[in-house]
Each structure stands twice: as C-alpha cells, then as structure tokens.
Amino acid sequence: MKTKIILFLACIALFSCKKEADPVAEEAPKPKTFDIKVDLIIPTDDELIFYYKDGTNEWFVEEKAVWAGVKGSKDVQTVVFNLPEGVLPNDLRFDIGRNEFKNLKSLEIKKISLSYLDKNFDILQDQVNTFFSPNQYITFDEATKQYTFKQDEKGNYDPYFDTKPAFYPELAKIAVK
C-alpha cells in the first residue's frame, strides 16, 4: 500500500510540475525595403542590375544599383532585388549584363513585381513594354515574347530597359511611407 501511495505521489509530482515556458524568440522585424522581383527565363548565366534614383541623384550611378547573379536555366526563375532599407525610388532602370557582348541568348520576362510594405504593383508579361522601353541593344519579338541582344555597328553593347511615363504614377502609388 505504501508503495502505491509513494508511486501515486511520484506521478502527481512528475506530471504536475510546471514546465518553464521557453522564452518566446522574438521574431526580427521584416526590413522595410522596396523590393523588385523579376520572373524570367534566362538560358545563359549573367548579371542583372536595377539602378534607381531616389531624389538624391540626377543620373543612374553605380552606387545606386542592386545586383543579382543569375544561373542560366530554361525554367522560369525569380530574381529578387532588395533596395537598401529606407530607400524609395522615383525612377528605375533594368540592365541586362555588364556591357560585354557575350552572345547572350534571348530571355523572356514573365512578370516584374514591385512592392513596399503592404503595397504591390505587378507588371505582367504583356504589360512589360507598356511600362519599360528596351534600348537600341535589345530587340523584342512580339510572337515569342523574347528579348534578344545585339551590338551596334561600332561594337558597343549596353542593353537596358528604361521606364516609360506610364510607369511613374504606378510607382508613386507604392513608393510612399
């Protein structure tokens, strides 16, 4: 009988002991960054760059650029660009590669998404040329939705997409604190 009582008390003591709650790990706050995501098919390894103006620069400069290396793939991949925390752009330029002609194969842009905090703006494949203008080193094929790259007659090469006037009101809707 004593053993049953001792066993009973041991069970009560064992199961009634409160387990100290683990300190709740505080989740680090998500950085408040302006983010750009590009869904694309790019079959060749390359560098993609988003240059930005933020009111402190009149021209696109290296110090105001976000880079992403991309491994070539025939599958759609998402490339993410995070501007520095606190930076809100008032203009963007999307560069393909480093000014070296590398016989880059055609690429296809499926979507460009811009976001800041809880605001988003998606540019779908059929809208890319509404909001961005390819320069003279890029040719667009409407049938295949692919962009191809070329040098000029002097061997110069600097493919990029400039923003069009339709882009600025959409950017202004999301790039606000």
N, C-alpha and C. Protein backbone atom coordinates (compact mmCIF):
# COMPACT_ATOMS: atom_id res chain seq x y z
N MET A 1 0.83 -1.18 0.00
CA MET A 1 0.00 0.00 0.00
C MET A 1 0.87 1.24 0.00
N LYS A 2 1.95 1.18 0.85
CA LYS A 2 2.84 2.34 0.90
C LYS A 2 3.45 2.58 -0.48
N THR A 3 3.79 1.50 -1.17
CA THR A 3 4.39 1.66 -2.50
C THR A 3 3.41 2.30 -3.46
N LYS A 4 2.12 1.95 -3.35
CA LYS A 4 1.12 2.55 -4.23
C LYS A 4 0.99 4.03 -3.94
N ILE A 5 1.02 4.39 -2.65
CA ILE A 5 0.89 5.81 -2.27
C ILE A 5 2.13 6.58 -2.75
N ILE A 6 3.29 6.01 -2.56
CA ILE A 6 4.52 6.68 -2.99
C ILE A 6 4.53 6.81 -4.51
N LEU A 7 4.10 5.74 -5.20
CA LEU A 7 4.04 5.78 -6.65
C LEU A 7 3.02 6.82 -7.12
N PHE A 8 1.88 6.88 -6.44
CA PHE A 8 0.84 7.86 -6.76
C PHE A 8 1.36 9.29 -6.57
N LEU A 9 2.03 9.55 -5.44
CA LEU A 9 2.57 10.88 -5.17
C LEU A 9 3.69 11.24 -6.17
N ALA A 10 4.48 10.25 -6.54
CA ALA A 10 5.55 10.49 -7.51
C ALA A 10 4.96 10.88 -8.86
N CYS A 11 3.88 10.18 -9.24
CA CYS A 11 3.22 10.50 -10.52
C CYS A 11 2.65 11.91 -10.48
N ILE A 12 2.00 12.27 -9.38
CA ILE A 12 1.43 13.62 -9.24
C ILE A 12 2.55 14.65 -9.33
N ALA A 13 3.62 14.40 -8.60
CA ALA A 13 4.74 15.35 -8.60
C ALA A 13 5.34 15.46 -10.01
N LEU A 14 5.46 14.35 -10.68
CA LEU A 14 6.07 14.34 -12.01
C LEU A 14 5.21 15.09 -13.02
N PHE A 15 3.92 14.81 -13.01
CA PHE A 15 3.05 15.39 -14.02
C PHE A 15 2.49 16.75 -13.66
N SER A 16 2.56 17.12 -12.41
CA SER A 16 2.01 18.42 -12.04
C SER A 16 3.07 19.51 -12.03
N CYS A 17 4.32 19.13 -12.17
CA CYS A 17 5.36 20.16 -12.23
C CYS A 17 5.19 20.97 -13.49
N LYS A 18 5.16 22.24 -13.32
CA LYS A 18 5.03 23.11 -14.49
C LYS A 18 6.36 23.19 -15.20
N LYS A 19 6.25 23.03 -16.46
CA LYS A 19 7.44 23.17 -17.28
C LYS A 19 7.62 24.65 -17.56
N GLU A 20 8.81 25.12 -17.35
CA GLU A 20 9.08 26.53 -17.62
C GLU A 20 8.86 26.77 -19.11
N ALA A 21 8.12 27.78 -19.41
CA ALA A 21 7.90 28.12 -20.82
C ALA A 21 9.20 28.61 -21.43
N ASP A 22 9.45 28.11 -22.62
CA ASP A 22 10.63 28.61 -23.33
C ASP A 22 10.42 30.08 -23.63
N PRO A 23 11.45 30.86 -23.43
CA PRO A 23 11.28 32.26 -23.78
C PRO A 23 10.92 32.36 -25.25
N VAL A 24 9.91 33.14 -25.52
CA VAL A 24 9.45 33.29 -26.90
C VAL A 24 10.52 34.06 -27.67
N ALA A 25 11.00 33.40 -28.68
CA ALA A 25 12.02 34.06 -29.51
C ALA A 25 11.33 35.18 -30.27
N GLU A 26 11.81 36.36 -30.04
CA GLU A 26 11.21 37.49 -30.74
C GLU A 26 11.60 37.43 -32.19
N GLU A 27 10.59 37.53 -33.03
CA GLU A 27 10.82 37.49 -34.45
C GLU A 27 11.40 38.83 -34.87
N ALA A 28 12.47 38.77 -35.61
CA ALA A 28 13.08 40.01 -36.07
C ALA A 28 12.11 40.70 -37.02
N PRO A 29 11.94 41.99 -36.87
CA PRO A 29 11.02 42.68 -37.77
C PRO A 29 11.53 42.61 -39.20
N LYS A 30 10.59 42.45 -40.12
CA LYS A 30 10.94 42.39 -41.53
C LYS A 30 11.49 43.75 -41.95
N PRO A 31 12.62 43.76 -42.63
CA PRO A 31 13.16 45.04 -43.08
C PRO A 31 12.16 45.76 -43.97
N LYS A 32 12.14 47.05 -43.84
CA LYS A 32 11.23 47.85 -44.65
C LYS A 32 11.95 48.25 -45.93
N THR A 33 12.02 47.28 -46.85
CA THR A 33 12.73 47.52 -48.09
C THR A 33 11.77 47.56 -49.27
N PHE A 34 12.15 48.33 -50.27
CA PHE A 34 11.44 48.33 -51.55
C PHE A 34 12.01 47.16 -52.32
N ASP A 35 11.14 46.26 -52.75
CA ASP A 35 11.59 45.02 -53.38
C ASP A 35 11.10 44.92 -54.82
N ILE A 36 11.95 44.35 -55.64
CA ILE A 36 11.63 44.10 -57.05
C ILE A 36 11.87 42.63 -57.30
N LYS A 37 10.88 41.95 -57.86
CA LYS A 37 11.02 40.54 -58.22
C LYS A 37 10.77 40.43 -59.72
N VAL A 38 11.66 39.73 -60.38
CA VAL A 38 11.53 39.52 -61.82
C VAL A 38 11.43 38.02 -62.06
N ASP A 39 10.32 37.62 -62.65
CA ASP A 39 10.15 36.22 -63.07
C ASP A 39 10.55 36.18 -64.55
N LEU A 40 11.55 35.35 -64.86
CA LEU A 40 12.03 35.32 -66.23
C LEU A 40 12.65 33.98 -66.58
N ILE A 41 12.77 33.77 -67.88
CA ILE A 41 13.53 32.64 -68.39
C ILE A 41 14.78 33.24 -69.02
N ILE A 42 15.92 32.89 -68.46
CA ILE A 42 17.20 33.38 -68.96
C ILE A 42 18.12 32.17 -69.10
N PRO A 43 18.37 31.74 -70.33
CA PRO A 43 19.11 30.49 -70.53
C PRO A 43 20.61 30.57 -70.32
N THR A 44 21.14 31.78 -70.14
CA THR A 44 22.58 31.96 -70.01
C THR A 44 22.90 32.62 -68.67
N ASP A 45 23.99 32.22 -68.01
CA ASP A 45 24.43 32.88 -66.78
C ASP A 45 24.69 34.36 -67.08
N ASP A 46 24.25 35.23 -66.20
CA ASP A 46 24.51 36.65 -66.41
C ASP A 46 24.27 37.41 -65.12
N GLU A 47 24.49 38.70 -65.18
CA GLU A 47 24.23 39.63 -64.08
C GLU A 47 23.04 40.50 -64.48
N LEU A 48 22.13 40.70 -63.56
CA LEU A 48 21.01 41.61 -63.77
C LEU A 48 21.16 42.73 -62.75
N ILE A 49 20.83 43.94 -63.16
CA ILE A 49 21.05 45.10 -62.30
C ILE A 49 19.83 46.02 -62.37
N PHE A 50 19.38 46.46 -61.21
CA PHE A 50 18.39 47.54 -61.16
C PHE A 50 19.09 48.77 -60.61
N TYR A 51 19.15 49.81 -61.42
CA TYR A 51 19.63 51.11 -60.97
C TYR A 51 18.42 51.90 -60.50
N TYR A 52 18.60 52.75 -59.52
CA TYR A 52 17.48 53.54 -59.02
C TYR A 52 17.91 54.98 -58.76
N LYS A 53 16.94 55.85 -58.89
CA LYS A 53 17.10 57.24 -58.45
C LYS A 53 16.19 57.38 -57.24
N ASP A 54 16.66 58.12 -56.24
CA ASP A 54 15.87 58.28 -55.02
C ASP A 54 15.70 59.74 -54.60
N GLY A 55 15.94 60.65 -55.52
CA GLY A 55 15.83 62.06 -55.20
C GLY A 55 17.16 62.69 -54.83
N THR A 56 18.16 61.86 -54.56
CA THR A 56 19.48 62.40 -54.23
C THR A 56 20.43 62.32 -55.42
N ASN A 57 20.02 61.65 -56.48
CA ASN A 57 20.86 61.55 -57.68
C ASN A 57 20.04 61.87 -58.92
N GLU A 58 20.68 62.63 -59.81
CA GLU A 58 20.02 63.02 -61.05
C GLU A 58 20.17 61.95 -62.13
N TRP A 59 21.29 61.21 -62.08
CA TRP A 59 21.61 60.20 -63.07
C TRP A 59 21.68 58.83 -62.39
N PHE A 60 21.59 57.79 -63.20
CA PHE A 60 21.79 56.44 -62.67
C PHE A 60 23.28 56.24 -62.45
N VAL A 61 23.63 55.84 -61.22
CA VAL A 61 25.04 55.67 -60.85
C VAL A 61 25.26 54.32 -60.18
N GLU A 62 26.49 53.83 -60.24
CA GLU A 62 26.84 52.53 -59.66
C GLU A 62 26.48 52.42 -58.18
N GLU A 63 26.62 53.52 -57.45
CA GLU A 63 26.35 53.49 -56.00
C GLU A 63 24.87 53.29 -55.70
N LYS A 64 24.04 53.52 -56.68
CA LYS A 64 22.59 53.36 -56.51
C LYS A 64 22.12 52.23 -57.43
N ALA A 65 22.66 51.04 -57.19
CA ALA A 65 22.32 49.88 -58.00
C ALA A 65 22.25 48.64 -57.12
N VAL A 66 21.40 47.71 -57.50
CA VAL A 66 21.27 46.44 -56.81
C VAL A 66 21.50 45.35 -57.87
N TRP A 67 22.43 44.44 -57.55
CA TRP A 67 22.87 43.41 -58.48
C TRP A 67 22.35 42.03 -58.08
N ALA A 68 22.19 41.19 -59.09
CA ALA A 68 21.86 39.79 -58.84
C ALA A 68 22.50 38.93 -59.92
N GLY A 69 23.28 37.96 -59.50
CA GLY A 69 23.82 36.99 -60.44
C GLY A 69 22.76 35.94 -60.73
N VAL A 70 22.68 35.52 -61.97
CA VAL A 70 21.66 34.56 -62.37
C VAL A 70 22.33 33.39 -63.08
N LYS A 71 21.95 32.19 -62.69
CA LYS A 71 22.40 30.98 -63.38
C LYS A 71 21.42 30.70 -64.51
N GLY A 72 21.95 30.45 -65.69
CA GLY A 72 21.09 30.17 -66.82
C GLY A 72 20.23 28.95 -66.60
N SER A 73 18.99 29.03 -67.07
CA SER A 73 18.05 27.91 -66.95
C SER A 73 16.96 28.08 -68.00
N LYS A 74 16.44 26.97 -68.46
CA LYS A 74 15.31 27.03 -69.40
C LYS A 74 13.98 27.14 -68.65
N ASP A 75 14.05 27.07 -67.32
CA ASP A 75 12.85 27.18 -66.49
C ASP A 75 12.69 28.61 -65.99
N VAL A 76 11.46 28.96 -65.64
CA VAL A 76 11.21 30.28 -65.06
C VAL A 76 11.86 30.34 -63.68
N GLN A 77 12.57 31.41 -63.42
CA GLN A 77 13.16 31.63 -62.11
C GLN A 77 12.83 33.04 -61.66
N THR A 78 12.81 33.23 -60.35
CA THR A 78 12.52 34.53 -59.76
C THR A 78 13.80 35.12 -59.21
N VAL A 79 14.11 36.32 -59.66
CA VAL A 79 15.28 37.05 -59.19
C VAL A 79 14.78 38.19 -58.33
N VAL A 80 15.30 38.29 -57.10
CA VAL A 80 14.82 39.29 -56.15
C VAL A 80 15.89 40.37 -55.94
N PHE A 81 15.45 41.62 -56.00
CA PHE A 81 16.30 42.77 -55.74
C PHE A 81 15.70 43.52 -54.56
N ASN A 82 16.47 43.71 -53.51
CA ASN A 82 16.02 44.47 -52.34
C ASN A 82 16.82 45.76 -52.29
N LEU A 83 16.14 46.89 -52.44
CA LEU A 83 16.83 48.16 -52.29
C LEU A 83 17.20 48.33 -50.82
N PRO A 84 18.20 49.14 -50.52
CA PRO A 84 18.57 49.34 -49.12
C PRO A 84 17.38 49.85 -48.30
N GLU A 85 17.37 49.47 -47.04
CA GLU A 85 16.27 49.87 -46.16
C GLU A 85 16.15 51.39 -46.13
N GLY A 86 14.93 51.88 -46.24
CA GLY A 86 14.65 53.31 -46.20
C GLY A 86 14.72 53.99 -47.56
N VAL A 87 15.17 53.28 -48.59
CA VAL A 87 15.27 53.88 -49.93
C VAL A 87 13.97 53.65 -50.68
N LEU A 88 13.38 54.73 -51.17
CA LEU A 88 12.20 54.65 -52.01
C LEU A 88 12.55 55.28 -53.36
N PRO A 89 12.51 54.49 -54.42
CA PRO A 89 12.92 55.02 -55.73
C PRO A 89 11.86 55.91 -56.35
N ASN A 90 12.34 56.86 -57.19
CA ASN A 90 11.41 57.63 -58.01
C ASN A 90 11.64 57.34 -59.49
N ASP A 91 12.60 56.46 -59.78
CA ASP A 91 12.87 56.02 -61.14
C ASP A 91 13.72 54.76 -61.08
N LEU A 92 13.58 53.91 -62.09
CA LEU A 92 14.34 52.66 -62.16
C LEU A 92 14.87 52.45 -63.58
N ARG A 93 15.93 51.68 -63.67
CA ARG A 93 16.44 51.22 -64.96
C ARG A 93 16.89 49.78 -64.76
N PHE A 94 16.48 48.91 -65.66
CA PHE A 94 16.78 47.48 -65.57
C PHE A 94 17.83 47.12 -66.61
N ASP A 95 19.04 46.79 -66.14
CA ASP A 95 20.15 46.45 -67.03
C ASP A 95 20.34 44.94 -67.12
N ILE A 96 20.68 44.50 -68.32
CA ILE A 96 20.98 43.10 -68.55
C ILE A 96 22.47 42.98 -68.81
N GLY A 97 23.19 42.41 -67.87
CA GLY A 97 24.61 42.17 -68.07
C GLY A 97 25.50 43.37 -67.82
N ARG A 98 26.79 43.14 -68.01
CA ARG A 98 27.82 44.13 -67.73
C ARG A 98 28.35 44.78 -68.98
N ASN A 99 27.74 45.22 -69.92
CA ASN A 99 28.31 45.94 -71.07
C ASN A 99 29.32 45.13 -71.87
N GLU A 100 29.35 43.83 -71.71
CA GLU A 100 30.23 42.99 -72.52
C GLU A 100 29.33 42.11 -73.37
N PHE A 101 29.56 42.12 -74.66
CA PHE A 101 28.75 41.28 -75.52
C PHE A 101 29.19 39.84 -75.37
N LYS A 102 28.32 39.01 -74.82
CA LYS A 102 28.66 37.61 -74.53
C LYS A 102 27.76 36.65 -75.31
N ASN A 103 27.20 37.12 -76.40
CA ASN A 103 26.26 36.29 -77.16
C ASN A 103 25.16 35.74 -76.26
N LEU A 104 24.66 36.60 -75.40
CA LEU A 104 23.57 36.23 -74.51
C LEU A 104 22.39 35.76 -75.32
N LYS A 105 21.85 34.63 -74.94
CA LYS A 105 20.68 34.12 -75.63
C LYS A 105 19.46 34.95 -75.24
N SER A 106 18.42 34.81 -76.01
CA SER A 106 17.18 35.55 -75.74
C SER A 106 16.66 35.24 -74.35
N LEU A 107 16.01 36.22 -73.75
CA LEU A 107 15.36 35.98 -72.47
C LEU A 107 13.90 36.38 -72.58
N GLU A 108 13.12 35.86 -71.67
CA GLU A 108 11.68 36.13 -71.65
C GLU A 108 11.30 36.60 -70.25
N ILE A 109 10.73 37.79 -70.18
CA ILE A 109 10.28 38.33 -68.89
C ILE A 109 8.81 37.96 -68.71
N LYS A 110 8.54 37.20 -67.66
CA LYS A 110 7.17 36.75 -67.39
C LYS A 110 6.42 37.76 -66.53
N LYS A 111 7.12 38.36 -65.55
CA LYS A 111 6.46 39.31 -64.65
C LYS A 111 7.52 40.10 -63.90
N ILE A 112 7.19 41.36 -63.63
CA ILE A 112 8.01 42.20 -62.75
C ILE A 112 7.07 42.67 -61.64
N SER A 113 7.46 42.40 -60.39
CA SER A 113 6.64 42.79 -59.24
C SER A 113 7.42 43.79 -58.40
N LEU A 114 6.76 44.88 -58.07
CA LEU A 114 7.33 45.91 -57.20
C LEU A 114 6.52 45.91 -55.91
N SER A 115 7.20 45.99 -54.77
CA SER A 115 6.45 46.02 -53.51
C SER A 115 7.18 46.83 -52.47
N TYR A 116 6.38 47.46 -51.63
CA TYR A 116 6.90 48.17 -50.46
C TYR A 116 5.83 48.09 -49.38
N LEU A 117 6.22 47.55 -48.23
CA LEU A 117 5.30 47.30 -47.11
C LEU A 117 4.12 46.49 -47.63
N ASP A 118 2.92 47.02 -47.57
CA ASP A 118 1.75 46.24 -47.99
C ASP A 118 1.24 46.65 -49.37
N LYS A 119 2.02 47.43 -50.10
CA LYS A 119 1.62 47.88 -51.43
C LYS A 119 2.39 47.11 -52.50
N ASN A 120 1.67 46.74 -53.57
CA ASN A 120 2.28 45.95 -54.65
C ASN A 120 1.84 46.48 -56.01
N PHE A 121 2.68 46.26 -56.98
CA PHE A 121 2.35 46.56 -58.37
C PHE A 121 2.99 45.48 -59.23
N ASP A 122 2.17 44.74 -59.97
CA ASP A 122 2.65 43.67 -60.84
C ASP A 122 2.56 44.10 -62.29
N ILE A 123 3.64 43.90 -63.00
CA ILE A 123 3.68 44.15 -64.44
C ILE A 123 3.75 42.78 -65.10
N LEU A 124 2.67 42.41 -65.74
CA LEU A 124 2.59 41.09 -66.37
C LEU A 124 3.32 41.10 -67.71
N GLN A 125 3.56 39.93 -68.24
CA GLN A 125 4.35 39.78 -69.46
C GLN A 125 3.87 40.69 -70.59
N ASP A 126 2.56 40.75 -70.80
CA ASP A 126 2.02 41.56 -71.89
C ASP A 126 2.06 43.06 -71.59
N GLN A 127 2.43 43.44 -70.37
CA GLN A 127 2.48 44.85 -69.99
C GLN A 127 3.91 45.39 -69.88
N VAL A 128 4.91 44.53 -69.99
CA VAL A 128 6.30 44.98 -69.80
C VAL A 128 6.62 46.15 -70.72
N ASN A 129 6.26 46.07 -71.98
CA ASN A 129 6.58 47.15 -72.92
C ASN A 129 5.68 48.37 -72.76
N THR A 130 4.67 48.29 -71.93
CA THR A 130 3.86 49.46 -71.59
C THR A 130 4.60 50.32 -70.58
N PHE A 131 5.34 49.67 -69.69
CA PHE A 131 6.00 50.38 -68.60
C PHE A 131 7.52 50.51 -68.76
N PHE A 132 8.12 49.66 -69.59
CA PHE A 132 9.56 49.70 -69.82
C PHE A 132 9.84 49.74 -71.32
N SER A 133 10.89 50.46 -71.67
CA SER A 133 11.29 50.60 -73.06
C SER A 133 12.68 50.01 -73.27
N PRO A 134 12.79 48.96 -74.11
CA PRO A 134 14.12 48.41 -74.37
C PRO A 134 14.93 49.40 -75.21
N ASN A 135 16.23 49.50 -74.92
CA ASN A 135 17.06 50.43 -75.69
C ASN A 135 17.50 49.81 -77.02
N GLN A 136 18.40 50.49 -77.74
CA GLN A 136 18.79 50.06 -79.09
C GLN A 136 19.55 48.74 -79.13
N TYR A 137 19.99 48.22 -77.99
CA TYR A 137 20.72 46.96 -77.95
C TYR A 137 19.81 45.76 -77.68
N ILE A 138 18.52 46.03 -77.60
CA ILE A 138 17.54 44.98 -77.31
C ILE A 138 16.45 45.00 -78.38
N THR A 139 16.14 43.83 -78.89
CA THR A 139 15.05 43.68 -79.86
C THR A 139 13.99 42.78 -79.23
N PHE A 140 12.73 43.17 -79.40
CA PHE A 140 11.63 42.38 -78.85
C PHE A 140 10.88 41.69 -79.97
N ASP A 141 10.61 40.41 -79.81
CA ASP A 141 9.83 39.63 -80.76
C ASP A 141 8.45 39.41 -80.16
N GLU A 142 7.46 40.08 -80.70
CA GLU A 142 6.09 40.02 -80.18
C GLU A 142 5.54 38.59 -80.21
N ALA A 143 5.88 37.82 -81.23
CA ALA A 143 5.33 36.46 -81.38
C ALA A 143 5.85 35.53 -80.28
N THR A 144 7.13 35.61 -79.96
CA THR A 144 7.71 34.70 -78.97
C THR A 144 7.81 35.32 -77.58
N LYS A 145 7.59 36.63 -77.49
CA LYS A 145 7.71 37.38 -76.23
C LYS A 145 9.14 37.38 -75.70
N GLN A 146 10.11 37.22 -76.60
CA GLN A 146 11.50 37.16 -76.19
C GLN A 146 12.26 38.42 -76.59
N TYR A 147 13.23 38.75 -75.72
CA TYR A 147 14.11 39.88 -75.97
C TYR A 147 15.46 39.30 -76.39
N THR A 148 16.00 39.82 -77.49
CA THR A 148 17.32 39.40 -77.94
C THR A 148 18.25 40.61 -77.86
N PHE A 149 19.55 40.33 -77.87
CA PHE A 149 20.55 41.36 -77.60
C PHE A 149 21.53 41.46 -78.76
N LYS A 150 21.97 42.68 -79.03
CA LYS A 150 22.87 42.90 -80.17
C LYS A 150 23.83 44.04 -79.88
N GLN A 151 24.93 44.02 -80.59
CA GLN A 151 25.88 45.13 -80.55
C GLN A 151 25.48 46.12 -81.65
N ASP A 152 25.93 47.36 -81.50
CA ASP A 152 25.71 48.29 -82.60
C ASP A 152 26.84 48.13 -83.61
N GLU A 153 26.80 48.92 -84.68
CA GLU A 153 27.79 48.79 -85.76
C GLU A 153 29.23 49.09 -85.30
N LYS A 154 29.40 49.80 -84.17
CA LYS A 154 30.73 50.11 -83.66
C LYS A 154 31.18 49.10 -82.59
N GLY A 155 30.35 48.11 -82.32
CA GLY A 155 30.71 47.10 -81.33
C GLY A 155 30.28 47.46 -79.91
N ASN A 156 29.56 48.56 -79.75
CA ASN A 156 29.07 48.96 -78.42
C ASN A 156 27.94 48.03 -77.99
N TYR A 157 27.84 47.86 -76.68
CA TYR A 157 26.83 46.95 -76.14
C TYR A 157 26.49 47.37 -74.72
N ASP A 158 25.25 47.73 -74.48
CA ASP A 158 24.80 48.13 -73.15
C ASP A 158 23.28 47.97 -73.08
N PRO A 159 22.77 46.74 -73.00
CA PRO A 159 21.32 46.54 -73.02
C PRO A 159 20.66 46.88 -71.69
N TYR A 160 19.62 47.71 -71.76
CA TYR A 160 18.85 48.02 -70.57
C TYR A 160 17.44 48.46 -70.96
N PHE A 161 16.58 48.45 -69.96
CA PHE A 161 15.20 48.88 -70.11
C PHE A 161 15.02 50.17 -69.32
N ASP A 162 14.59 51.23 -70.00
CA ASP A 162 14.23 52.48 -69.33
C ASP A 162 12.75 52.45 -68.98
N THR A 163 12.38 53.22 -67.99
CA THR A 163 10.96 53.32 -67.66
C THR A 163 10.28 54.29 -68.62
N LYS A 164 9.00 54.05 -68.85
CA LYS A 164 8.17 54.91 -69.69
C LYS A 164 7.31 55.79 -68.79
N PRO A 165 6.73 56.86 -69.32
CA PRO A 165 5.89 57.75 -68.50
C PRO A 165 4.76 57.03 -67.76
N ALA A 166 4.19 55.99 -68.33
CA ALA A 166 3.09 55.26 -67.68
C ALA A 166 3.54 54.60 -66.37
N PHE A 167 4.83 54.41 -66.20
CA PHE A 167 5.37 53.73 -65.02
C PHE A 167 5.30 54.61 -63.77
N TYR A 168 5.55 55.90 -63.91
CA TYR A 168 5.72 56.78 -62.75
C TYR A 168 4.49 56.90 -61.84
N PRO A 169 3.29 57.02 -62.38
CA PRO A 169 2.12 57.08 -61.45
C PRO A 169 1.94 55.78 -60.67
N GLU A 170 2.25 54.64 -61.29
CA GLU A 170 2.13 53.36 -60.60
C GLU A 170 3.19 53.25 -59.50
N LEU A 171 4.41 53.68 -59.80
CA LEU A 171 5.49 53.67 -58.82
C LEU A 171 5.13 54.58 -57.64
N ALA A 172 4.58 55.73 -57.94
CA ALA A 172 4.23 56.69 -56.88
C ALA A 172 3.18 56.12 -55.91
N LYS A 173 2.33 55.23 -56.38
CA LYS A 173 1.31 54.64 -55.51
C LYS A 173 1.90 53.72 -54.46
N ILE A 174 3.03 53.11 -54.75
CA ILE A 174 3.58 52.17 -53.78
C ILE A 174 4.82 52.69 -53.06
N ALA A 175 5.54 53.62 -53.66
CA ALA A 175 6.78 54.11 -53.05
C ALA A 175 6.50 55.31 -52.14
N VAL A 176 5.62 55.09 -51.18
CA VAL A 176 5.30 56.14 -50.19
C VAL A 176 5.39 55.55 -48.80
N LYS A 177 5.85 56.38 -47.88
CA LYS A 177 6.00 55.92 -46.48
C LYS A 177 4.67 55.98 -45.77
